[in-house]
């Protein structure tokens, strides 16, 4: 399984939803909390092509986007293959 990294903040409801979706699927992930961490936030903006919002989710080297993007991949039955590829 490809590694999953999710950038979050402590006050983000969509972050909670994204982590719950991954947990329900049995996917382990690395969480990077960027709350109050300007250096980590700047790195996230650079890696995500300018996105400042959270969550931002990466599967392997692929930037998936946020929670709605992750949920759409799951609804479209594409998430499992991305995780396994």
PDB file of N, CA and C in Angstrom:
ATOM      1  N   UNK A   1       0.844  -1.182   0.000  1.00  0.00           N
ATOM      2  CA  UNK A   1       0.000   0.000   0.000  1.00  0.00           C
ATOM      3  C   UNK A   1       0.888   1.243   0.000  1.00  0.00           C
ATOM      4  N   UNK A   2       0.487   2.208  -0.795  1.00  0.00           N
ATOM      5  CA  UNK A   2       1.234   3.461  -0.845  1.00  0.00           C
ATOM      6  C   UNK A   2       1.065   4.219   0.465  1.00  0.00           C
ATOM      7  N   UNK A   3       2.090   4.976   0.856  1.00  0.00           N
ATOM      8  CA  UNK A   3       1.952   5.788   2.070  1.00  0.00           C
ATOM      9  C   UNK A   3       0.987   6.940   1.846  1.00  0.00           C
ATOM     10  N   UNK A   4       0.233   7.257   2.887  1.00  0.00           N
ATOM     11  CA  UNK A   4      -0.729   8.357   2.833  1.00  0.00           C
ATOM     12  C   UNK A   4      -0.312   9.393   3.863  1.00  0.00           C
ATOM     13  N   UNK A   5      -0.286  10.651   3.433  1.00  0.00           N
ATOM     14  CA  UNK A   5       0.042  11.755   4.335  1.00  0.00           C
ATOM     15  C   UNK A   5      -1.096  12.760   4.244  1.00  0.00           C
ATOM     16  N   UNK A   6      -1.559  13.206   5.400  1.00  0.00           N
ATOM     17  CA  UNK A   6      -2.653  14.176   5.449  1.00  0.00           C
ATOM     18  C   UNK A   6      -2.233  15.358   6.315  1.00  0.00           C
ATOM     19  N   UNK A   7      -2.330  16.531   5.729  1.00  0.00           N
ATOM     20  CA  UNK A   7      -2.016  17.780   6.428  1.00  0.00           C
ATOM     21  C   UNK A   7      -3.308  18.312   7.027  1.00  0.00           C
ATOM     22  N   UNK A   8      -3.277  18.631   8.320  1.00  0.00           N
ATOM     23  CA  UNK A   8      -4.479  19.002   9.054  1.00  0.00           C
ATOM     24  C   UNK A   8      -4.230  20.203   9.960  1.00  0.00           C
ATOM     25  N   UNK A   9      -5.325  20.685  10.561  1.00  0.00           N
ATOM     26  CA  UNK A   9      -5.256  21.601  11.693  1.00  0.00           C
ATOM     27  C   UNK A   9      -6.173  21.041  12.772  1.00  0.00           C
ATOM     28  N   UNK A  10      -6.019  21.539  13.981  1.00  0.00           N
ATOM     29  CA  UNK A  10      -6.806  21.019  15.098  1.00  0.00           C
ATOM     30  C   UNK A  10      -8.274  21.431  15.043  1.00  0.00           C
ATOM     31  N   UNK A  11      -8.594  22.457  14.270  1.00  0.00           N
ATOM     32  CA  UNK A  11      -9.952  23.012  14.264  1.00  0.00           C
ATOM     33  C   UNK A  11     -10.704  22.748  12.959  1.00  0.00           C
ATOM     34  N   UNK A  12     -10.307  21.735  12.214  1.00  0.00           N
ATOM     35  CA  UNK A  12     -10.849  21.499  10.876  1.00  0.00           C
ATOM     36  C   UNK A  12     -11.791  20.296  10.850  1.00  0.00           C
ATOM     37  N   UNK A  13     -13.071  20.562  10.607  1.00  0.00           N
ATOM     38  CA  UNK A  13     -14.048  19.484  10.522  1.00  0.00           C
ATOM     39  C   UNK A  13     -13.831  18.566   9.327  1.00  0.00           C
ATOM     40  N   UNK A  14     -13.395  19.135   8.203  1.00  0.00           N
ATOM     41  CA  UNK A  14     -13.137  18.305   7.028  1.00  0.00           C
ATOM     42  C   UNK A  14     -11.928  17.396   7.251  1.00  0.00           C
ATOM     43  N   UNK A  15     -10.996  17.830   8.075  1.00  0.00           N
ATOM     44  CA  UNK A  15      -9.852  16.977   8.418  1.00  0.00           C
ATOM     45  C   UNK A  15     -10.334  15.746   9.174  1.00  0.00           C
ATOM     46  N   UNK A  16     -11.237  15.953  10.112  1.00  0.00           N
ATOM     47  CA  UNK A  16     -11.807  14.839  10.877  1.00  0.00           C
ATOM     48  C   UNK A  16     -12.515  13.868   9.930  1.00  0.00           C
ATOM     49  N   UNK A  17     -13.285  14.396   8.994  1.00  0.00           N
ATOM     50  CA  UNK A  17     -13.997  13.541   8.034  1.00  0.00           C
ATOM     51  C   UNK A  17     -13.035  12.734   7.173  1.00  0.00           C
ATOM     52  N   UNK A  18     -11.966  13.388   6.708  1.00  0.00           N
ATOM     53  CA  UNK A  18     -10.985  12.689   5.865  1.00  0.00           C
ATOM     54  C   UNK A  18     -10.311  11.569   6.651  1.00  0.00           C
ATOM     55  N   UNK A  19      -9.925  11.844   7.893  1.00  0.00           N
ATOM     56  CA  UNK A  19      -9.281  10.815   8.706  1.00  0.00           C
ATOM     57  C   UNK A  19     -10.250   9.679   9.000  1.00  0.00           C
ATOM     58  N   UNK A  20     -11.509   9.995   9.258  1.00  0.00           N
ATOM     59  CA  UNK A  20     -12.522   8.960   9.496  1.00  0.00           C
ATOM     60  C   UNK A  20     -12.707   8.068   8.268  1.00  0.00           C
ATOM     61  N   UNK A  21     -12.749   8.669   7.089  1.00  0.00           N
ATOM     62  CA  UNK A  21     -12.893   7.887   5.864  1.00  0.00           C
ATOM     63  C   UNK A  21     -11.714   6.924   5.712  1.00  0.00           C
ATOM     64  N   UNK A  22     -10.520   7.418   5.932  1.00  0.00           N
ATOM     65  CA  UNK A  22      -9.335   6.564   5.815  1.00  0.00           C
ATOM     66  C   UNK A  22      -9.361   5.452   6.868  1.00  0.00           C
ATOM     67  N   UNK A  23      -9.746   5.780   8.094  1.00  0.00           N
ATOM     68  CA  UNK A  23      -9.819   4.766   9.152  1.00  0.00           C
ATOM     69  C   UNK A  23     -10.847   3.691   8.807  1.00  0.00           C
ATOM     70  N   UNK A  24     -12.018   4.096   8.299  1.00  0.00           N
ATOM     71  CA  UNK A  24     -13.054   3.126   7.925  1.00  0.00           C
ATOM     72  C   UNK A  24     -12.555   2.158   6.857  1.00  0.00           C
ATOM     73  N   UNK A  25     -11.669   2.639   6.006  1.00  0.00           N
ATOM     74  CA  UNK A  25     -11.119   1.798   4.945  1.00  0.00           C
ATOM     75  C   UNK A  25      -9.905   1.007   5.417  1.00  0.00           C
ATOM     76  N   UNK A  26      -9.496   1.214   6.671  1.00  0.00           N
ATOM     77  CA  UNK A  26      -8.344   0.500   7.209  1.00  0.00           C
ATOM     78  C   UNK A  26      -7.009   1.016   6.695  1.00  0.00           C
ATOM     79  N   UNK A  27      -6.980   2.275   6.293  1.00  0.00           N
ATOM     80  CA  UNK A  27      -5.775   2.876   5.728  1.00  0.00           C
ATOM     81  C   UNK A  27      -5.025   3.615   6.832  1.00  0.00           C
ATOM     82  N   UNK A  28      -3.768   3.265   7.015  1.00  0.00           N
ATOM     83  CA  UNK A  28      -2.955   4.019   7.960  1.00  0.00           C
ATOM     84  C   UNK A  28      -2.406   5.247   7.246  1.00  0.00           C
ATOM     85  N   UNK A  29      -2.149   6.291   8.009  1.00  0.00           N
ATOM     86  CA  UNK A  29      -1.695   7.540   7.408  1.00  0.00           C
ATOM     87  C   UNK A  29      -0.784   8.276   8.381  1.00  0.00           C
ATOM     88  N   UNK A  30       0.023   9.153   7.819  1.00  0.00           N
ATOM     89  CA  UNK A  30       0.835  10.065   8.616  1.00  0.00           C
ATOM     90  C   UNK A  30       0.113  11.402   8.639  1.00  0.00           C
ATOM     91  N   UNK A  31      -0.105  11.923   9.823  1.00  0.00           N
ATOM     92  CA  UNK A  31      -0.775  13.218   9.960  1.00  0.00           C
ATOM     93  C   UNK A  31       0.258  14.296  10.275  1.00  0.00           C
ATOM     94  N   UNK A  32       0.177  15.394   9.543  1.00  0.00           N
ATOM     95  CA  UNK A  32       1.041  16.543   9.794  1.00  0.00           C
ATOM     96  C   UNK A  32       0.135  17.707  10.180  1.00  0.00           C
ATOM     97  N   UNK A  33       0.181  18.078  11.437  1.00  0.00           N
ATOM     98  CA  UNK A  33      -0.649  19.171  11.952  1.00  0.00           C
ATOM     99  C   UNK A  33       0.085  20.484  11.696  1.00  0.00           C
ATOM    100  N   UNK A  34      -0.500  21.337  10.882  1.00  0.00           N
ATOM    101  CA  UNK A  34       0.136  22.612  10.542  1.00  0.00           C
ATOM    102  C   UNK A  34      -0.437  23.782  11.340  1.00  0.00           C
ATOM    103  N   UNK A  35      -1.216  23.481  12.378  1.00  0.00           N
ATOM    104  CA  UNK A  35      -1.770  24.524  13.233  1.00  0.00           C
ATOM    105  C   UNK A  35      -0.638  25.335  13.848  1.00  0.00           C
ATOM    106  N   UNK A  36      -0.582  26.600  13.521  1.00  0.00           N
ATOM    107  CA  UNK A  36       0.424  27.476  14.104  1.00  0.00           C
ATOM    108  C   UNK A  36       1.855  27.196  13.672  1.00  0.00           C
ATOM    109  N   UNK A  37       2.047  26.356  12.672  1.00  0.00           N
ATOM    110  CA  UNK A  37       3.400  26.011  12.202  1.00  0.00           C
ATOM    111  C   UNK A  37       3.590  26.599  10.805  1.00  0.00           C
ATOM    112  N   UNK A  38       4.098  27.809  10.761  1.00  0.00           N
ATOM    113  CA  UNK A  38       4.241  28.521   9.490  1.00  0.00           C
ATOM    114  C   UNK A  38       5.179  27.810   8.519  1.00  0.00           C
ATOM    115  N   UNK A  39       6.216  27.159   9.030  1.00  0.00           N
ATOM    116  CA  UNK A  39       7.156  26.441   8.170  1.00  0.00           C
ATOM    117  C   UNK A  39       6.472  25.250   7.499  1.00  0.00           C
ATOM    118  N   UNK A  40       5.732  24.472   8.281  1.00  0.00           N
ATOM    119  CA  UNK A  40       5.015  23.319   7.715  1.00  0.00           C
ATOM    120  C   UNK A  40       3.936  23.786   6.741  1.00  0.00           C
ATOM    121  N   UNK A  41       3.256  24.874   7.053  1.00  0.00           N
ATOM    122  CA  UNK A  41       2.213  25.398   6.167  1.00  0.00           C
ATOM    123  C   UNK A  41       2.827  25.860   4.849  1.00  0.00           C
ATOM    124  N   UNK A  42       3.975  26.521   4.914  1.00  0.00           N
ATOM    125  CA  UNK A  42       4.653  26.973   3.695  1.00  0.00           C
ATOM    126  C   UNK A  42       5.065  25.787   2.833  1.00  0.00           C
ATOM    127  N   UNK A  43       5.532  24.715   3.466  1.00  0.00           N
ATOM    128  CA  UNK A  43       5.904  23.505   2.730  1.00  0.00           C
ATOM    129  C   UNK A  43       4.672  22.892   2.061  1.00  0.00           C
ATOM    130  N   UNK A  44       3.562  22.876   2.786  1.00  0.00           N
ATOM    131  CA  UNK A  44       2.312  22.349   2.237  1.00  0.00           C
ATOM    132  C   UNK A  44       1.876  23.145   1.014  1.00  0.00           C
ATOM    133  N   UNK A  45       1.927  24.453   1.105  1.00  0.00           N
ATOM    134  CA  UNK A  45       1.526  25.318  -0.013  1.00  0.00           C
ATOM    135  C   UNK A  45       2.394  25.021  -1.230  1.00  0.00           C
ATOM    136  N   UNK A  46       3.672  24.853  -1.012  1.00  0.00           N
ATOM    137  CA  UNK A  46       4.592  24.546  -2.110  1.00  0.00           C
ATOM    138  C   UNK A  46       4.286  23.173  -2.722  1.00  0.00           C
ATOM    139  N   UNK A  47       4.090  22.174  -1.882  1.00  0.00           N
ATOM    140  CA  UNK A  47       3.865  20.798  -2.366  1.00  0.00           C
ATOM    141  C   UNK A  47       2.514  20.630  -3.053  1.00  0.00           C
ATOM    142  N   UNK A  48       1.527  21.422  -2.657  1.00  0.00           N
ATOM    143  CA  UNK A  48       0.164  21.237  -3.167  1.00  0.00           C
ATOM    144  C   UNK A  48      -0.181  22.175  -4.312  1.00  0.00           C
ATOM    145  N   UNK A  49       0.801  22.874  -4.822  1.00  0.00           N
ATOM    146  CA  UNK A  49       0.529  23.775  -5.932  1.00  0.00           C
ATOM    147  C   UNK A  49      -0.210  25.029  -5.525  1.00  0.00           C
ATOM    148  N   UNK A  50       0.034  25.490  -4.299  1.00  0.00           N
ATOM    149  CA  UNK A  50      -0.556  26.751  -3.856  1.00  0.00           C
ATOM    150  C   UNK A  50      -1.751  26.630  -2.933  1.00  0.00           C
ATOM    151  N   UNK A  51      -2.159  25.425  -2.588  1.00  0.00           N
ATOM    152  CA  UNK A  51      -3.309  25.247  -1.698  1.00  0.00           C
ATOM    153  C   UNK A  51      -2.930  25.562  -0.263  1.00  0.00           C
ATOM    154  N   UNK A  52      -3.711  26.418   0.388  1.00  0.00           N
ATOM    155  CA  UNK A  52      -3.465  26.768   1.794  1.00  0.00           C
ATOM    156  C   UNK A  52      -4.478  26.113   2.725  1.00  0.00           C
ATOM    157  N   UNK A  53      -5.549  25.578   2.160  1.00  0.00           N
ATOM    158  CA  UNK A  53      -6.596  24.989   2.988  1.00  0.00           C
ATOM    159  C   UNK A  53      -6.209  23.570   3.404  1.00  0.00           C
ATOM    160  N   UNK A  54      -6.864  23.111   4.449  1.00  0.00           N
ATOM    161  CA  UNK A  54      -6.675  21.738   4.906  1.00  0.00           C
ATOM    162  C   UNK A  54      -8.030  21.067   4.979  1.00  0.00           C
ATOM    163  N   UNK A  55      -8.079  19.752   4.882  1.00  0.00           N
ATOM    164  CA  UNK A  55      -6.926  18.876   4.733  1.00  0.00           C
ATOM    165  C   UNK A  55      -6.384  18.912   3.308  1.00  0.00           C
ATOM    166  N   UNK A  56      -5.121  18.564   3.183  1.00  0.00           N
ATOM    167  CA  UNK A  56      -4.513  18.275   1.895  1.00  0.00           C
ATOM    168  C   UNK A  56      -3.945  16.870   2.033  1.00  0.00           C
ATOM    169  N   UNK A  57      -4.296  16.021   1.083  1.00  0.00           N
ATOM    170  CA  UNK A  57      -4.004  14.599   1.192  1.00  0.00           C
ATOM    171  C   UNK A  57      -3.107  14.177   0.034  1.00  0.00           C
ATOM    172  N   UNK A  58      -2.107  13.390   0.383  1.00  0.00           N
ATOM    173  CA  UNK A  58      -1.174  12.842  -0.597  1.00  0.00           C
ATOM    174  C   UNK A  58      -1.182  11.334  -0.477  1.00  0.00           C
ATOM    175  N   UNK A  59      -1.270  10.660  -1.616  1.00  0.00           N
ATOM    176  CA  UNK A  59      -1.127   9.209  -1.673  1.00  0.00           C
ATOM    177  C   UNK A  59       0.145   8.955  -2.464  1.00  0.00           C
ATOM    178  N   UNK A  60       1.146   8.440  -1.785  1.00  0.00           N
ATOM    179  CA  UNK A  60       2.454   8.347  -2.418  1.00  0.00           C
ATOM    180  C   UNK A  60       2.904   9.751  -2.762  1.00  0.00           C
ATOM    181  N   UNK A  61       3.311   9.959  -4.003  1.00  0.00           N
ATOM    182  CA  UNK A  61       3.732  11.284  -4.459  1.00  0.00           C
ATOM    183  C   UNK A  61       2.597  12.071  -5.109  1.00  0.00           C
ATOM    184  N   UNK A  62       1.397  11.506  -5.133  1.00  0.00           N
ATOM    185  CA  UNK A  62       0.262  12.130  -5.809  1.00  0.00           C
ATOM    186  C   UNK A  62      -0.550  12.988  -4.844  1.00  0.00           C
ATOM    187  N   UNK A  63      -0.734  14.247  -5.212  1.00  0.00           N
ATOM    188  CA  UNK A  63      -1.581  15.142  -4.426  1.00  0.00           C
ATOM    189  C   UNK A  63      -3.030  14.875  -4.813  1.00  0.00           C
ATOM    190  N   UNK A  64      -3.810  14.384  -3.862  1.00  0.00           N
ATOM    191  CA  UNK A  64      -5.208  14.045  -4.104  1.00  0.00           C
ATOM    192  C   UNK A  64      -6.098  15.273  -4.001  1.00  0.00           C
ATOM    193  N   UNK A  65      -5.793  16.156  -3.069  1.00  0.00           N
ATOM    194  CA  UNK A  65      -6.626  17.315  -2.802  1.00  0.00           C
ATOM    195  C   UNK A  65      -7.149  17.243  -1.384  1.00  0.00           C
ATOM    196  N   UNK A  66      -8.370  17.732  -1.185  1.00  0.00           N
ATOM    197  CA  UNK A  66      -8.968  17.768   0.142  1.00  0.00           C
ATOM    198  C   UNK A  66      -9.950  16.639   0.374  1.00  0.00           C
ATOM    199  N   UNK A  67     -10.769  16.807   1.419  1.00  0.00           N
ATOM    200  CA  UNK A  67     -11.723  15.767   1.790  1.00  0.00           C
ATOM    201  C   UNK A  67     -12.709  15.467   0.669  1.00  0.00           C
ATOM    202  N   UNK A  68     -13.274  16.481   0.048  1.00  0.00           N
ATOM    203  CA  UNK A  68     -14.277  16.219  -0.985  1.00  0.00           C
ATOM    204  C   UNK A  68     -13.670  15.457  -2.162  1.00  0.00           C
ATOM    205  N   UNK A  69     -12.408  15.740  -2.481  1.00  0.00           N
ATOM    206  CA  UNK A  69     -11.725  15.008  -3.542  1.00  0.00           C
ATOM    207  C   UNK A  69     -11.511  13.547  -3.143  1.00  0.00           C
ATOM    208  N   UNK A  70     -11.102  13.332  -1.902  1.00  0.00           N
ATOM    209  CA  UNK A  70     -10.888  11.980  -1.394  1.00  0.00           C
ATOM    210  C   UNK A  70     -12.199  11.192  -1.397  1.00  0.00           C
ATOM    211  N   UNK A  71     -13.269  11.823  -0.909  1.00  0.00           N
ATOM    212  CA  UNK A  71     -14.572  11.158  -0.859  1.00  0.00           C
ATOM    213  C   UNK A  71     -15.083  10.838  -2.267  1.00  0.00           C
ATOM    214  N   UNK A  72     -14.843  11.734  -3.208  1.00  0.00           N
ATOM    215  CA  UNK A  72     -15.267  11.486  -4.586  1.00  0.00           C
ATOM    216  C   UNK A  72     -14.500  10.298  -5.185  1.00  0.00           C
ATOM    217  N   UNK A  73     -13.211  10.224  -4.926  1.00  0.00           N
ATOM    218  CA  UNK A  73     -12.433   9.075  -5.390  1.00  0.00           C
ATOM    219  C   UNK A  73     -12.999   7.782  -4.825  1.00  0.00           C
ATOM    220  N   UNK A  74     -13.390   7.807  -3.556  1.00  0.00           N
ATOM    221  CA  UNK A  74     -13.965   6.616  -2.933  1.00  0.00           C
ATOM    222  C   UNK A  74     -15.313   6.274  -3.562  1.00  0.00           C
ATOM    223  N   UNK A  75     -16.168   7.264  -3.774  1.00  0.00           N
ATOM    224  CA  UNK A  75     -17.478   7.016  -4.404  1.00  0.00           C
ATOM    225  C   UNK A  75     -17.324   6.474  -5.822  1.00  0.00           C
ATOM    226  N   UNK A  76     -16.299   6.963  -6.524  1.00  0.00           N
ATOM    227  CA  UNK A  76     -16.053   6.526  -7.905  1.00  0.00           C
ATOM    228  C   UNK A  76     -15.295   5.203  -7.977  1.00  0.00           C
ATOM    229  N   UNK A  77     -15.030   4.598  -6.807  1.00  0.00           N
ATOM    230  CA  UNK A  77     -14.316   3.308  -6.729  1.00  0.00           C
ATOM    231  C   UNK A  77     -12.899   3.408  -7.294  1.00  0.00           C
ATOM    232  N   UNK A  78     -12.268   4.578  -7.161  1.00  0.00           N
ATOM    233  CA  UNK A  78     -10.900   4.774  -7.647  1.00  0.00           C
ATOM    234  C   UNK A  78      -9.874   4.828  -6.518  1.00  0.00           C
ATOM    235  N   UNK A  79     -10.345   5.052  -5.302  1.00  0.00           N
ATOM    236  CA  UNK A  79      -9.426   5.237  -4.182  1.00  0.00           C
ATOM    237  C   UNK A  79      -8.633   3.968  -3.885  1.00  0.00           C
ATOM    238  N   UNK A  80      -9.294   2.830  -3.853  1.00  0.00           N
ATOM    239  CA  UNK A  80      -8.608   1.583  -3.534  1.00  0.00           C
ATOM    240  C   UNK A  80      -7.474   1.300  -4.494  1.00  0.00           C
ATOM    241  N   UNK A  81      -7.702   1.512  -5.780  1.00  0.00           N
ATOM    242  CA  UNK A  81      -6.643   1.247  -6.761  1.00  0.00           C
ATOM    243  C   UNK A  81      -5.502   2.242  -6.616  1.00  0.00           C
ATOM    244  N   UNK A  82      -5.802   3.489  -6.258  1.00  0.00           N
ATOM    245  CA  UNK A  82      -4.729   4.470  -6.021  1.00  0.00           C
ATOM    246  C   UNK A  82      -3.865   4.046  -4.847  1.00  0.00           C
ATOM    247  N   UNK A  83      -4.506   3.527  -3.822  1.00  0.00           N
ATOM    248  CA  UNK A  83      -3.770   3.106  -2.621  1.00  0.00           C
ATOM    249  C   UNK A  83      -2.887   1.892  -2.917  1.00  0.00           C
ATOM    250  N   UNK A  84      -3.354   1.024  -3.792  1.00  0.00           N
ATOM    251  CA  UNK A  84      -2.632  -0.220  -4.067  1.00  0.00           C
ATOM    252  C   UNK A  84      -1.580  -0.071  -5.165  1.00  0.00           C
ATOM    253  N   UNK A  85      -1.765   0.857  -6.079  1.00  0.00           N
ATOM    254  CA  UNK A  85      -0.902   0.955  -7.253  1.00  0.00           C
ATOM    255  C   UNK A  85       0.557   1.134  -6.902  1.00  0.00           C
TER     256      UNK A  85
END
